[in-house]
Structures are given as structure tokens and as C-alpha cells.
Amino acid sequence: MFGAFRASQPSLGGLLWKVPYRLSTPRKARVRSRLQAVDEVIAAVQRSGVECAALDRALLLPTEQEMAPRDKYTTFSRTARDYRKGVHKVPKWTRLTLRENPRGF
């Protein structure tokens, strides 16, 4: 009970880094700000006159204003019950482009 291997609240509670069930309001705001920052970068590259295939693909993606809340905060998942999963449960979700979903989802 005492010493290096004594019980503590995190060790008794299971997984230390728990993923919340839903996104909190501040985390949703940070998601929107990240999407807006990406939109600003794409617009700046377009204004600079650079032409490339990656820019053409990026211009086809919807902007943050055009996205539905369902698309902003959830992503497609084959294993989820409704085929949707909270974006914060995707590994490395802040680095991925999650604006594309399969047709119909």
C-alpha cells in the first residue's frame, strides 16, 4: 500500500487519459479556428498565384462556413453505430483533413 507502487486515484480509475464523450464548447471553438486557419492559408496561396495539383484539390474542399456542424465535429467511421464518430476520437485528428466524407455520409 505504501511506497513506489501505492494506489492512487488515476491508477484506481483505469485509463489515465480519458477521452470525453462529446466535445466541449471551447474544444469546438478550437476546431472551428483550426479550420478557418487552414482556409486562410489556402486563400493566401491562391492569391500568391501558385498553381499546383494540391491547391486545386484544396480549393474543391468546403470552407469552414460551408460545412455543416455534423461534418465539422464528426467523421465517417465504418465501425461506429451510425457510421459517424466524434472527430476528437480520431488519432492525430488535428493534423488530418477530415472535410471529405464518402458519398451519402
PDB file of N, CA and C in Angstrom:
ATOM      1  N   MET A   1       0.809  -1.190   0.000  1.00  0.00           N
ATOM      2  CA  MET A   1       0.000   0.000   0.000  1.00  0.00           C
ATOM      3  C   MET A   1       0.853   1.254   0.000  1.00  0.00           C
ATOM      4  N   PHE A   2       2.014   1.195   0.628  1.00  0.00           N
ATOM      5  CA  PHE A   2       2.877   2.363   0.675  1.00  0.00           C
ATOM      6  C   PHE A   2       4.079   2.150  -0.224  1.00  0.00           C
ATOM      7  N   GLY A   3       4.771   3.205  -0.560  1.00  0.00           N
ATOM      8  CA  GLY A   3       5.978   3.080  -1.362  1.00  0.00           C
ATOM      9  C   GLY A   3       5.747   3.443  -2.809  1.00  0.00           C
ATOM     10  N   ALA A   4       6.562   2.886  -3.675  1.00  0.00           N
ATOM     11  CA  ALA A   4       6.540   3.261  -5.084  1.00  0.00           C
ATOM     12  C   ALA A   4       5.281   2.792  -5.799  1.00  0.00           C
ATOM     13  N   PHE A   5       4.651   1.712  -5.340  1.00  0.00           N
ATOM     14  CA  PHE A   5       3.521   1.140  -6.053  1.00  0.00           C
ATOM     15  C   PHE A   5       2.206   1.318  -5.296  1.00  0.00           C
ATOM     16  N   ARG A   6       2.120   2.404  -4.557  1.00  0.00           N
ATOM     17  CA  ARG A   6       0.887   2.620  -3.797  1.00  0.00           C
ATOM     18  C   ARG A   6      -0.260   3.016  -4.743  1.00  0.00           C
ATOM     19  N   ALA A   7      -1.463   2.760  -4.325  1.00  0.00           N
ATOM     20  CA  ALA A   7      -2.639   3.058  -5.132  1.00  0.00           C
ATOM     21  C   ALA A   7      -2.897   4.557  -5.124  1.00  0.00           C
ATOM     22  N   SER A   8      -3.252   5.079  -6.270  1.00  0.00           N
ATOM     23  CA  SER A   8      -3.625   6.489  -6.386  1.00  0.00           C
ATOM     24  C   SER A   8      -4.921   6.566  -7.179  1.00  0.00           C
ATOM     25  N   GLN A   9      -5.528   7.744  -7.219  1.00  0.00           N
ATOM     26  CA  GLN A   9      -6.791   7.894  -7.931  1.00  0.00           C
ATOM     27  C   GLN A   9      -6.659   7.550  -9.418  1.00  0.00           C
ATOM     28  N   PRO A  10      -5.618   8.044 -10.126  1.00  0.00           N
ATOM     29  CA  PRO A  10      -5.524   7.664 -11.535  1.00  0.00           C
ATOM     30  C   PRO A  10      -5.328   6.161 -11.743  1.00  0.00           C
ATOM     31  N   SER A  11      -4.523   5.535 -10.899  1.00  0.00           N
ATOM     32  CA  SER A  11      -4.290   4.111 -11.094  1.00  0.00           C
ATOM     33  C   SER A  11      -5.519   3.286 -10.737  1.00  0.00           C
ATOM     34  N   LEU A  12      -6.328   3.769  -9.827  1.00  0.00           N
ATOM     35  CA  LEU A  12      -7.557   3.052  -9.486  1.00  0.00           C
ATOM     36  C   LEU A  12      -8.673   3.304 -10.502  1.00  0.00           C
ATOM     37  N   GLY A  13      -8.573   4.399 -11.247  1.00  0.00           N
ATOM     38  CA  GLY A  13      -9.640   4.787 -12.161  1.00  0.00           C
ATOM     39  C   GLY A  13      -9.534   4.207 -13.543  1.00  0.00           C
ATOM     40  N   GLY A  14      -8.539   3.403 -13.819  1.00  0.00           N
ATOM     41  CA  GLY A  14      -8.407   2.832 -15.152  1.00  0.00           C
ATOM     42  C   GLY A  14      -7.530   3.703 -16.024  1.00  0.00           C
ATOM     43  N   LEU A  15      -7.936   3.924 -17.256  1.00  0.00           N
ATOM     44  CA  LEU A  15      -7.161   4.685 -18.220  1.00  0.00           C
ATOM     45  C   LEU A  15      -6.963   6.111 -17.734  1.00  0.00           C
ATOM     46  N   LEU A  16      -5.728   6.565 -17.733  1.00  0.00           N
ATOM     47  CA  LEU A  16      -5.433   7.889 -17.188  1.00  0.00           C
ATOM     48  C   LEU A  16      -5.927   8.994 -18.110  1.00  0.00           C
ATOM     49  N   TRP A  17      -5.679   8.871 -19.415  1.00  0.00           N
ATOM     50  CA  TRP A  17      -6.094   9.914 -20.355  1.00  0.00           C
ATOM     51  C   TRP A  17      -7.429   9.505 -20.959  1.00  0.00           C
ATOM     52  N   LYS A  18      -8.493   9.934 -20.331  1.00  0.00           N
ATOM     53  CA  LYS A  18      -9.822   9.556 -20.793  1.00  0.00           C
ATOM     54  C   LYS A  18     -10.277  10.510 -21.902  1.00  0.00           C
ATOM     55  N   VAL A  19     -10.929   9.962 -22.917  1.00  0.00           N
ATOM     56  CA  VAL A  19     -11.472  10.768 -23.999  1.00  0.00           C
ATOM     57  C   VAL A  19     -12.912  11.098 -23.632  1.00  0.00           C
ATOM     58  N   PRO A  20     -13.290  12.377 -23.588  1.00  0.00           N
ATOM     59  CA  PRO A  20     -14.667  12.714 -23.200  1.00  0.00           C
ATOM     60  C   PRO A  20     -15.664  12.240 -24.250  1.00  0.00           C
ATOM     61  N   TYR A  21     -16.890  12.053 -23.810  1.00  0.00           N
ATOM     62  CA  TYR A  21     -17.942  11.536 -24.689  1.00  0.00           C
ATOM     63  C   TYR A  21     -18.231  12.504 -25.829  1.00  0.00           C
ATOM     64  N   ARG A  22     -18.296  13.792 -25.514  1.00  0.00           N
ATOM     65  CA  ARG A  22     -18.570  14.795 -26.550  1.00  0.00           C
ATOM     66  C   ARG A  22     -17.604  15.955 -26.405  1.00  0.00           C
ATOM     67  N   LEU A  23     -17.474  16.724 -27.467  1.00  0.00           N
ATOM     68  CA  LEU A  23     -16.583  17.870 -27.465  1.00  0.00           C
ATOM     69  C   LEU A  23     -17.168  18.984 -26.609  1.00  0.00           C
ATOM     70  N   SER A  24     -16.336  19.610 -25.814  1.00  0.00           N
ATOM     71  CA  SER A  24     -16.782  20.750 -25.022  1.00  0.00           C
ATOM     72  C   SER A  24     -16.856  21.989 -25.924  1.00  0.00           C
ATOM     73  N   THR A  25     -17.486  23.032 -25.434  1.00  0.00           N
ATOM     74  CA  THR A  25     -17.637  24.264 -26.206  1.00  0.00           C
ATOM     75  C   THR A  25     -16.293  24.890 -26.566  1.00  0.00           C
ATOM     76  N   PRO A  26     -15.314  24.975 -25.643  1.00  0.00           N
ATOM     77  CA  PRO A  26     -14.014  25.525 -26.046  1.00  0.00           C
ATOM     78  C   PRO A  26     -13.286  24.670 -27.078  1.00  0.00           C
ATOM     79  N   ARG A  27     -13.416  23.352 -26.976  1.00  0.00           N
ATOM     80  CA  ARG A  27     -12.767  22.493 -27.968  1.00  0.00           C
ATOM     81  C   ARG A  27     -13.425  22.644 -29.329  1.00  0.00           C
ATOM     82  N   LYS A  28     -14.746  22.835 -29.355  1.00  0.00           N
ATOM     83  CA  LYS A  28     -15.419  23.091 -30.627  1.00  0.00           C
ATOM     84  C   LYS A  28     -14.929  24.399 -31.233  1.00  0.00           C
ATOM     85  N   ALA A  29     -14.729  25.403 -30.410  1.00  0.00           N
ATOM     86  CA  ALA A  29     -14.228  26.687 -30.901  1.00  0.00           C
ATOM     87  C   ALA A  29     -12.828  26.529 -31.481  1.00  0.00           C
ATOM     88  N   ARG A  30     -11.999  25.706 -30.850  1.00  0.00           N
ATOM     89  CA  ARG A  30     -10.652  25.480 -31.380  1.00  0.00           C
ATOM     90  C   ARG A  30     -10.697  24.715 -32.701  1.00  0.00           C
ATOM     91  N   VAL A  31     -11.665  23.801 -32.846  1.00  0.00           N
ATOM     92  CA  VAL A  31     -11.830  23.091 -34.114  1.00  0.00           C
ATOM     93  C   VAL A  31     -12.160  24.092 -35.213  1.00  0.00           C
ATOM     94  N   ARG A  32     -13.123  24.999 -34.937  1.00  0.00           N
ATOM     95  CA  ARG A  32     -13.502  25.999 -35.928  1.00  0.00           C
ATOM     96  C   ARG A  32     -12.335  26.916 -36.264  1.00  0.00           C
ATOM     97  N   SER A  33     -11.560  27.310 -35.262  1.00  0.00           N
ATOM     98  CA  SER A  33     -10.433  28.206 -35.532  1.00  0.00           C
ATOM     99  C   SER A  33      -9.360  27.506 -36.367  1.00  0.00           C
ATOM    100  N   ARG A  34      -9.145  26.208 -36.131  1.00  0.00           N
ATOM    101  CA  ARG A  34      -8.186  25.467 -36.960  1.00  0.00           C
ATOM    102  C   ARG A  34      -8.662  25.375 -38.401  1.00  0.00           C
ATOM    103  N   LEU A  35      -9.956  25.103 -38.596  1.00  0.00           N
ATOM    104  CA  LEU A  35     -10.498  25.044 -39.948  1.00  0.00           C
ATOM    105  C   LEU A  35     -10.379  26.397 -40.645  1.00  0.00           C
ATOM    106  N   GLN A  36     -10.649  27.482 -39.922  1.00  0.00           N
ATOM    107  CA  GLN A  36     -10.542  28.819 -40.504  1.00  0.00           C
ATOM    108  C   GLN A  36      -9.093  29.155 -40.837  1.00  0.00           C
ATOM    109  N   ALA A  37      -8.160  28.702 -40.008  1.00  0.00           N
ATOM    110  CA  ALA A  37      -6.750  28.953 -40.286  1.00  0.00           C
ATOM    111  C   ALA A  37      -6.318  28.242 -41.563  1.00  0.00           C
ATOM    112  N   VAL A  38      -6.798  27.018 -41.760  1.00  0.00           N
ATOM    113  CA  VAL A  38      -6.478  26.283 -42.992  1.00  0.00           C
ATOM    114  C   VAL A  38      -7.080  27.000 -44.190  1.00  0.00           C
ATOM    115  N   ASP A  39      -8.315  27.500 -44.044  1.00  0.00           N
ATOM    116  CA  ASP A  39      -8.947  28.235 -45.141  1.00  0.00           C
ATOM    117  C   ASP A  39      -8.148  29.484 -45.497  1.00  0.00           C
ATOM    118  N   GLU A  40      -7.619  30.167 -44.492  1.00  0.00           N
ATOM    119  CA  GLU A  40      -6.822  31.369 -44.744  1.00  0.00           C
ATOM    120  C   GLU A  40      -5.532  31.034 -45.482  1.00  0.00           C
ATOM    121  N   VAL A  41      -4.895  29.933 -45.141  1.00  0.00           N
ATOM    122  CA  VAL A  41      -3.663  29.527 -45.818  1.00  0.00           C
ATOM    123  C   VAL A  41      -3.954  29.186 -47.275  1.00  0.00           C
ATOM    124  N   ILE A  42      -5.036  28.456 -47.518  1.00  0.00           N
ATOM    125  CA  ILE A  42      -5.393  28.092 -48.892  1.00  0.00           C
ATOM    126  C   ILE A  42      -5.673  29.352 -49.709  1.00  0.00           C
ATOM    127  N   ALA A  43      -6.400  30.305 -49.123  1.00  0.00           N
ATOM    128  CA  ALA A  43      -6.703  31.549 -49.830  1.00  0.00           C
ATOM    129  C   ALA A  43      -5.426  32.350 -50.099  1.00  0.00           C
ATOM    130  N   ALA A  44      -4.499  32.376 -49.143  1.00  0.00           N
ATOM    131  CA  ALA A  44      -3.252  33.113 -49.335  1.00  0.00           C
ATOM    132  C   ALA A  44      -2.408  32.492 -50.447  1.00  0.00           C
ATOM    133  N   VAL A  45      -2.362  31.178 -50.506  1.00  0.00           N
ATOM    134  CA  VAL A  45      -1.599  30.502 -51.571  1.00  0.00           C
ATOM    135  C   VAL A  45      -2.250  30.775 -52.920  1.00  0.00           C
ATOM    136  N   GLN A  46      -3.568  30.801 -52.959  1.00  0.00           N
ATOM    137  CA  GLN A  46      -4.262  31.078 -54.206  1.00  0.00           C
ATOM    138  C   GLN A  46      -3.985  32.509 -54.671  1.00  0.00           C
ATOM    139  N   ARG A  47      -3.981  33.471 -53.729  1.00  0.00           N
ATOM    140  CA  ARG A  47      -3.697  34.861 -54.079  1.00  0.00           C
ATOM    141  C   ARG A  47      -2.267  35.056 -54.560  1.00  0.00           C
ATOM    142  N   SER A  48      -1.355  34.206 -54.091  1.00  0.00           N
ATOM    143  CA  SER A  48       0.047  34.361 -54.476  1.00  0.00           C
ATOM    144  C   SER A  48       0.300  33.973 -55.930  1.00  0.00           C
ATOM    145  N   GLY A  49      -0.637  33.268 -56.545  1.00  0.00           N
ATOM    146  CA  GLY A  49      -0.501  32.913 -57.940  1.00  0.00           C
ATOM    147  C   GLY A  49       0.131  31.560 -58.187  1.00  0.00           C
ATOM    148  N   VAL A  50       0.394  30.798 -57.142  1.00  0.00           N
ATOM    149  CA  VAL A  50       0.974  29.459 -57.302  1.00  0.00           C
ATOM    150  C   VAL A  50      -0.086  28.535 -57.883  1.00  0.00           C
ATOM    151  N   GLU A  51       0.324  27.690 -58.816  1.00  0.00           N
ATOM    152  CA  GLU A  51      -0.588  26.712 -59.392  1.00  0.00           C
ATOM    153  C   GLU A  51       0.005  25.323 -59.205  1.00  0.00           C
ATOM    154  N   CYS A  52      -0.768  24.425 -58.591  1.00  0.00           N
ATOM    155  CA  CYS A  52      -0.331  23.051 -58.421  1.00  0.00           C
ATOM    156  C   CYS A  52      -1.561  22.181 -58.194  1.00  0.00           C
ATOM    157  N   ALA A  53      -1.376  20.888 -58.313  1.00  0.00           N
ATOM    158  CA  ALA A  53      -2.492  19.950 -58.174  1.00  0.00           C
ATOM    159  C   ALA A  53      -3.027  19.935 -56.746  1.00  0.00           C
ATOM    160  N   ALA A  54      -2.137  20.068 -55.764  1.00  0.00           N
ATOM    161  CA  ALA A  54      -2.590  20.056 -54.370  1.00  0.00           C
ATOM    162  C   ALA A  54      -3.484  21.254 -54.081  1.00  0.00           C
ATOM    163  N   LEU A  55      -3.161  22.405 -54.661  1.00  0.00           N
ATOM    164  CA  LEU A  55      -4.007  23.584 -54.462  1.00  0.00           C
ATOM    165  C   LEU A  55      -5.362  23.393 -55.126  1.00  0.00           C
ATOM    166  N   ASP A  56      -5.371  22.774 -56.296  1.00  0.00           N
ATOM    167  CA  ASP A  56      -6.644  22.504 -56.970  1.00  0.00           C
ATOM    168  C   ASP A  56      -7.531  21.590 -56.132  1.00  0.00           C
ATOM    169  N   ARG A  57      -6.932  20.561 -55.529  1.00  0.00           N
ATOM    170  CA  ARG A  57      -7.704  19.667 -54.651  1.00  0.00           C
ATOM    171  C   ARG A  57      -8.190  20.407 -53.409  1.00  0.00           C
ATOM    172  N   ALA A  58      -7.358  21.287 -52.853  1.00  0.00           N
ATOM    173  CA  ALA A  58      -7.736  22.021 -51.644  1.00  0.00           C
ATOM    174  C   ALA A  58      -8.872  22.999 -51.919  1.00  0.00           C
ATOM    175  N   LEU A  59      -8.894  23.564 -53.121  1.00  0.00           N
ATOM    176  CA  LEU A  59      -9.958  24.511 -53.459  1.00  0.00           C
ATOM    177  C   LEU A  59     -11.299  23.814 -53.648  1.00  0.00           C
ATOM    178  N   LEU A  60     -11.287  22.513 -53.909  1.00  0.00           N
ATOM    179  CA  LEU A  60     -12.538  21.765 -54.049  1.00  0.00           C
ATOM    180  C   LEU A  60     -13.179  21.437 -52.702  1.00  0.00           C
ATOM    181  N   LEU A  61     -12.384  21.481 -51.628  1.00  0.00           N
ATOM    182  CA  LEU A  61     -12.917  21.182 -50.300  1.00  0.00           C
ATOM    183  C   LEU A  61     -13.805  22.320 -49.827  1.00  0.00           C
ATOM    184  N   PRO A  62     -14.825  22.029 -49.015  1.00  0.00           N
ATOM    185  CA  PRO A  62     -15.673  23.103 -48.493  1.00  0.00           C
ATOM    186  C   PRO A  62     -14.918  23.930 -47.444  1.00  0.00           C
ATOM    187  N   THR A  63     -15.261  25.207 -47.364  1.00  0.00           N
ATOM    188  CA  THR A  63     -14.672  26.054 -46.322  1.00  0.00           C
ATOM    189  C   THR A  63     -15.389  25.803 -45.007  1.00  0.00           C
ATOM    190  N   GLU A  64     -14.876  26.390 -43.950  1.00  0.00           N
ATOM    191  CA  GLU A  64     -15.476  26.191 -42.624  1.00  0.00           C
ATOM    192  C   GLU A  64     -16.898  26.713 -42.601  1.00  0.00           C
ATOM    193  N   GLN A  65     -17.158  27.832 -43.275  1.00  0.00           N
ATOM    194  CA  GLN A  65     -18.502  28.412 -43.300  1.00  0.00           C
ATOM    195  C   GLN A  65     -19.488  27.515 -44.050  1.00  0.00           C
ATOM    196  N   GLU A  66     -18.998  26.796 -45.051  1.00  0.00           N
ATOM    197  CA  GLU A  66     -19.877  25.956 -45.870  1.00  0.00           C
ATOM    198  C   GLU A  66     -20.154  24.596 -45.247  1.00  0.00           C
ATOM    199  N   MET A  67     -19.360  24.202 -44.255  1.00  0.00           N
ATOM    200  CA  MET A  67     -19.518  22.884 -43.657  1.00  0.00           C
ATOM    201  C   MET A  67     -20.672  22.865 -42.663  1.00  0.00           C
ATOM    202  N   ALA A  68     -21.391  21.765 -42.660  1.00  0.00           N
ATOM    203  CA  ALA A  68     -22.445  21.569 -41.667  1.00  0.00           C
ATOM    204  C   ALA A  68     -21.796  21.205 -40.335  1.00  0.00           C
ATOM    205  N   PRO A  69     -22.439  21.514 -39.210  1.00  0.00           N
ATOM    206  CA  PRO A  69     -21.858  21.148 -37.916  1.00  0.00           C
ATOM    207  C   PRO A  69     -21.559  19.661 -37.807  1.00  0.00           C
ATOM    208  N   ARG A  70     -22.385  18.851 -38.426  1.00  0.00           N
ATOM    209  CA  ARG A  70     -22.165  17.404 -38.385  1.00  0.00           C
ATOM    210  C   ARG A  70     -20.817  17.047 -39.012  1.00  0.00           C
ATOM    211  N   ASP A  71     -20.446  17.755 -40.073  1.00  0.00           N
ATOM    212  CA  ASP A  71     -19.178  17.484 -40.730  1.00  0.00           C
ATOM    213  C   ASP A  71     -17.995  18.100 -39.985  1.00  0.00           C
ATOM    214  N   LYS A  72     -18.226  19.187 -39.260  1.00  0.00           N
ATOM    215  CA  LYS A  72     -17.138  19.824 -38.526  1.00  0.00           C
ATOM    216  C   LYS A  72     -16.689  18.984 -37.339  1.00  0.00           C
ATOM    217  N   TYR A  73     -17.639  18.389 -36.647  1.00  0.00           N
ATOM    218  CA  TYR A  73     -17.337  17.761 -35.366  1.00  0.00           C
ATOM    219  C   TYR A  73     -17.381  16.243 -35.390  1.00  0.00           C
ATOM    220  N   THR A  74     -17.797  15.635 -36.502  1.00  0.00           N
ATOM    221  CA  THR A  74     -17.798  14.178 -36.606  1.00  0.00           C
ATOM    222  C   THR A  74     -17.176  13.775 -37.924  1.00  0.00           C
ATOM    223  N   THR A  75     -16.804  12.528 -38.013  1.00  0.00           N
ATOM    224  CA  THR A  75     -16.221  11.992 -39.234  1.00  0.00           C
ATOM    225  C   THR A  75     -16.794  10.604 -39.496  1.00  0.00           C
ATOM    226  N   PHE A  76     -16.641  10.139 -40.713  1.00  0.00           N
ATOM    227  CA  PHE A  76     -17.159   8.838 -41.094  1.00  0.00           C
ATOM    228  C   PHE A  76     -16.362   7.736 -40.406  1.00  0.00           C
ATOM    229  N   SER A  77     -17.066   6.711 -39.932  1.00  0.00           N
ATOM    230  CA  SER A  77     -16.418   5.557 -39.330  1.00  0.00           C
ATOM    231  C   SER A  77     -17.236   4.316 -39.667  1.00  0.00           C
ATOM    232  N   ARG A  78     -16.592   3.323 -40.266  1.00  0.00           N
ATOM    233  CA  ARG A  78     -17.315   2.097 -40.631  1.00  0.00           C
ATOM    234  C   ARG A  78     -17.772   1.333 -39.409  1.00  0.00           C
ATOM    235  N   THR A  79     -17.018   1.435 -38.302  1.00  0.00           N
ATOM    236  CA  THR A  79     -17.312   0.616 -37.132  1.00  0.00           C
ATOM    237  C   THR A  79     -18.289   1.259 -36.169  1.00  0.00           C
ATOM    238  N   ALA A  80     -18.549   2.547 -36.296  1.00  0.00           N
ATOM    239  CA  ALA A  80     -19.466   3.223 -35.373  1.00  0.00           C
ATOM    240  C   ALA A  80     -20.909   2.844 -35.694  1.00  0.00           C
ATOM    241  N   ARG A  81     -21.768   3.004 -34.722  1.00  0.00           N
ATOM    242  CA  ARG A  81     -23.160   2.574 -34.866  1.00  0.00           C
ATOM    243  C   ARG A  81     -23.875   3.334 -35.981  1.00  0.00           C
ATOM    244  N   ASP A  82     -23.742   4.655 -36.009  1.00  0.00           N
ATOM    245  CA  ASP A  82     -24.395   5.456 -37.046  1.00  0.00           C
ATOM    246  C   ASP A  82     -23.433   5.858 -38.155  1.00  0.00           C
ATOM    247  N   TYR A  83     -22.315   5.154 -38.245  1.00  0.00           N
ATOM    248  CA  TYR A  83     -21.264   5.435 -39.229  1.00  0.00           C
ATOM    249  C   TYR A  83     -20.631   6.803 -39.023  1.00  0.00           C
ATOM    250  N   ARG A  84     -20.829   7.412 -37.879  1.00  0.00           N
ATOM    251  CA  ARG A  84     -20.207   8.693 -37.554  1.00  0.00           C
ATOM    252  C   ARG A  84     -19.493   8.542 -36.221  1.00  0.00           C
ATOM    253  N   LYS A  85     -18.372   9.262 -36.084  1.00  0.00           N
ATOM    254  CA  LYS A  85     -17.583   9.196 -34.859  1.00  0.00           C
ATOM    255  C   LYS A  85     -17.106  10.606 -34.556  1.00  0.00           C
ATOM    256  N   GLY A  86     -17.054  10.953 -33.278  1.00  0.00           N
ATOM    257  CA  GLY A  86     -16.569  12.270 -32.888  1.00  0.00           C
ATOM    258  C   GLY A  86     -15.161  12.501 -33.393  1.00  0.00           C
ATOM    259  N   VAL A  87     -14.913  13.695 -33.911  1.00  0.00           N
ATOM    260  CA  VAL A  87     -13.630  13.979 -34.534  1.00  0.00           C
ATOM    261  C   VAL A  87     -12.489  13.877 -33.525  1.00  0.00           C
ATOM    262  N   HIS A  88     -12.773  14.110 -32.252  1.00  0.00           N
ATOM    263  CA  HIS A  88     -11.718  14.063 -31.238  1.00  0.00           C
ATOM    264  C   HIS A  88     -11.310  12.638 -30.889  1.00  0.00           C
ATOM    265  N   LYS A  89     -12.023  11.648 -31.384  1.00  0.00           N
ATOM    266  CA  LYS A  89     -11.651  10.258 -31.129  1.00  0.00           C
ATOM    267  C   LYS A  89     -10.795   9.657 -32.235  1.00  0.00           C
ATOM    268  N   VAL A  90     -10.518  10.447 -33.267  1.00  0.00           N
ATOM    269  CA  VAL A  90      -9.667  10.008 -34.378  1.00  0.00           C
ATOM    270  C   VAL A  90      -8.212  10.279 -33.995  1.00  0.00           C
ATOM    271  N   PRO A  91      -7.314   9.312 -34.178  1.00  0.00           N
ATOM    272  CA  PRO A  91      -5.907   9.568 -33.841  1.00  0.00           C
ATOM    273  C   PRO A  91      -5.331  10.684 -34.707  1.00  0.00           C
ATOM    274  N   LYS A  92      -4.586  11.588 -34.067  1.00  0.00           N
ATOM    275  CA  LYS A  92      -3.930  12.711 -34.755  1.00  0.00           C
ATOM    276  C   LYS A  92      -4.924  13.540 -35.557  1.00  0.00           C
ATOM    277  N   TRP A  93      -6.108  13.786 -35.014  1.00  0.00           N
ATOM    278  CA  TRP A  93      -7.177  14.446 -35.761  1.00  0.00           C
ATOM    279  C   TRP A  93      -6.891  15.906 -36.049  1.00  0.00           C
ATOM    280  N   THR A  94      -5.986  16.532 -35.311  1.00  0.00           N
ATOM    281  CA  THR A  94      -5.682  17.927 -35.603  1.00  0.00           C
ATOM    282  C   THR A  94      -4.790  18.058 -36.827  1.00  0.00           C
ATOM    283  N   ARG A  95      -4.160  16.970 -37.251  1.00  0.00           N
ATOM    284  CA  ARG A  95      -3.265  17.024 -38.406  1.00  0.00           C
ATOM    285  C   ARG A  95      -3.924  16.540 -39.690  1.00  0.00           C
ATOM    286  N   LEU A  96      -5.098  15.958 -39.605  1.00  0.00           N
ATOM    287  CA  LEU A  96      -5.738  15.354 -40.765  1.00  0.00           C
ATOM    288  C   LEU A  96      -6.758  16.285 -41.393  1.00  0.00           C
ATOM    289  N   THR A  97      -7.012  16.099 -42.678  1.00  0.00           N
ATOM    290  CA  THR A  97      -8.093  16.805 -43.351  1.00  0.00           C
ATOM    291  C   THR A  97      -9.319  15.911 -43.280  1.00  0.00           C
ATOM    292  N   LEU A  98     -10.257  16.259 -42.440  1.00  0.00           N
ATOM    293  CA  LEU A  98     -11.446  15.434 -42.243  1.00  0.00           C
ATOM    294  C   LEU A  98     -12.673  16.077 -42.902  1.00  0.00           C
ATOM    295  N   ARG A  99     -12.448  16.880 -43.931  1.00  0.00           N
ATOM    296  CA  ARG A  99     -13.557  17.561 -44.587  1.00  0.00           C
ATOM    297  C   ARG A  99     -14.230  16.699 -45.633  1.00  0.00           C
ATOM    298  N   GLU A 100     -13.622  15.570 -45.993  1.00  0.00           N
ATOM    299  CA  GLU A 100     -14.179  14.701 -47.018  1.00  0.00           C
ATOM    300  C   GLU A 100     -14.858  13.509 -46.361  1.00  0.00           C
ATOM    301  N   ASN A 101     -16.047  13.191 -46.835  1.00  0.00           N
ATOM    302  CA  ASN A 101     -16.758  12.011 -46.356  1.00  0.00           C
ATOM    303  C   ASN A 101     -17.190  11.204 -47.563  1.00  0.00           C
ATOM    304  N   PRO A 102     -17.400   9.899 -47.410  1.00  0.00           N
ATOM    305  CA  PRO A 102     -17.922   9.113 -48.535  1.00  0.00           C
ATOM    306  C   PRO A 102     -19.283   9.639 -48.957  1.00  0.00           C
ATOM    307  N   ARG A 103     -19.625   9.427 -50.193  1.00  0.00           N
ATOM    308  CA  ARG A 103     -20.901   9.910 -50.709  1.00  0.00           C
ATOM    309  C   ARG A 103     -22.056   9.303 -49.899  1.00  0.00           C
ATOM    310  N   GLY A 104     -22.974  10.130 -49.483  1.00  0.00           N
ATOM    311  CA  GLY A 104     -24.114   9.659 -48.710  1.00  0.00           C
ATOM    312  C   GLY A 104     -23.927   9.749 -47.212  1.00  0.00           C
ATOM    313  N   PHE A 105     -22.731  10.096 -46.745  1.00  0.00           N
ATOM    314  CA  PHE A 105     -22.491  10.193 -45.321  1.00  0.00           C
ATOM    315  C   PHE A 105     -22.051  11.582 -44.960  1.00  0.00           C
TER     316      PHE A 105
END
